[in-house]
Amino acid sequence: MLQHPSSALITINDKETIRVLHVDDDDSILEISKQILTDLNSHFDIDQACCVDDAFKKLAVENYDVVISDYEMPQKDVSNF
């Protein structure tokens, strides 16, 4: 039997916490996004970084299931790599 994709996601999320690193240079975007993700699912554990360097430091010492990042960041964005 086929399962609807969203129901599979809900099943996975109910079993364990999903660790999220959200990277954005805009504090208001970080806070709004955290609230939206928390409202969607209480199993999200959301960590935030305000710059690329901070994100790299966190990634060096922590494990995350997913990283959500702004595409254009001061000093470092996709065009700089």
Protein backbone atom coordinates (compact mmCIF):
# COMPACT_ATOMS: atom_id res chain seq x y z
CA MET A 1 0.00 0.00 0.00
CA LEU A 2 1.30 3.47 -0.89
CA GLN A 3 1.65 6.05 1.82
CA HIS A 4 1.12 9.75 1.32
CA PRO A 5 4.56 11.46 1.61
CA SER A 6 3.43 13.84 4.36
CA SER A 7 2.16 10.96 6.51
CA ALA A 8 5.55 9.25 6.19
CA LEU A 9 7.24 12.44 7.37
CA ILE A 10 4.92 12.70 10.35
CA THR A 11 5.69 9.10 11.31
CA ILE A 12 9.43 9.72 11.18
CA ASN A 13 9.16 12.97 13.14
CA ASP A 14 7.10 11.37 15.89
CA LYS A 15 9.89 8.89 16.62
CA GLU A 16 12.85 11.23 17.03
CA THR A 17 14.03 14.80 17.10
CA ILE A 18 15.17 16.39 13.84
CA ARG A 19 18.22 18.61 14.42
CA VAL A 20 18.15 21.70 12.19
CA LEU A 21 20.84 24.34 11.67
CA HIS A 22 19.40 27.52 10.17
CA VAL A 23 21.92 30.03 8.78
CA ASP A 24 20.88 33.58 7.92
CA ASP A 25 22.37 37.04 8.46
CA ASP A 26 18.92 38.52 9.18
CA ASP A 27 17.90 37.97 12.82
CA SER A 28 14.21 38.53 12.07
CA ILE A 29 14.24 35.78 9.43
CA LEU A 30 15.90 33.42 11.91
CA GLU A 31 13.27 34.09 14.57
CA ILE A 32 10.26 33.93 12.24
CA SER A 33 11.51 30.72 10.63
CA LYS A 34 12.15 29.14 14.02
CA GLN A 35 8.60 29.94 15.11
CA ILE A 36 7.12 28.55 11.89
CA LEU A 37 9.16 25.33 12.08
CA THR A 38 8.32 24.86 15.75
CA ASP A 39 4.62 25.37 15.00
CA LEU A 40 4.81 22.80 12.19
CA ASN A 41 6.42 20.14 14.32
CA SER A 42 7.51 20.20 17.95
CA HIS A 43 10.17 17.55 17.21
CA PHE A 44 12.41 20.06 15.42
CA ASP A 45 15.45 21.07 17.49
CA ILE A 46 16.50 24.31 15.82
CA ASP A 47 19.95 25.87 16.20
CA GLN A 48 20.80 29.16 14.53
CA ALA A 49 23.90 30.80 13.05
CA CYS A 50 24.06 34.42 11.92
CA CYS A 51 27.00 33.99 9.55
CA VAL A 52 28.79 31.33 7.52
CA ASP A 53 31.80 31.20 9.84
CA ASP A 54 29.54 30.61 12.86
CA ALA A 55 27.74 27.85 10.93
CA PHE A 56 31.03 26.13 10.06
CA LYS A 57 32.09 26.24 13.74
CA LYS A 58 28.80 24.66 14.81
CA LEU A 59 29.03 22.01 12.09
CA ALA A 60 32.52 21.09 13.31
CA VAL A 61 31.27 20.17 16.78
CA GLU A 62 27.58 19.29 16.35
CA ASN A 63 25.60 16.86 14.21
CA TYR A 64 22.60 18.14 12.28
CA ASP A 65 20.05 16.31 10.18
CA VAL A 66 19.46 19.30 7.92
CA VAL A 67 20.95 22.74 7.23
CA ILE A 68 18.75 25.57 5.98
CA SER A 69 20.80 28.47 4.67
CA ASP A 70 20.35 31.84 3.08
CA TYR A 71 21.73 31.81 -0.46
CA GLU A 72 23.45 35.21 -0.29
CA MET A 73 25.47 36.05 2.80
CA PRO A 74 27.95 38.90 3.44
CA GLN A 75 31.54 37.96 2.54
CA LYS A 76 30.59 34.34 1.73
CA ASP A 77 27.89 33.12 -0.59
CA VAL A 78 27.68 30.66 -3.44
CA SER A 79 29.49 33.00 -5.85
CA ASN A 80 32.57 33.05 -3.56
CA PHE A 81 33.19 29.28 -3.59
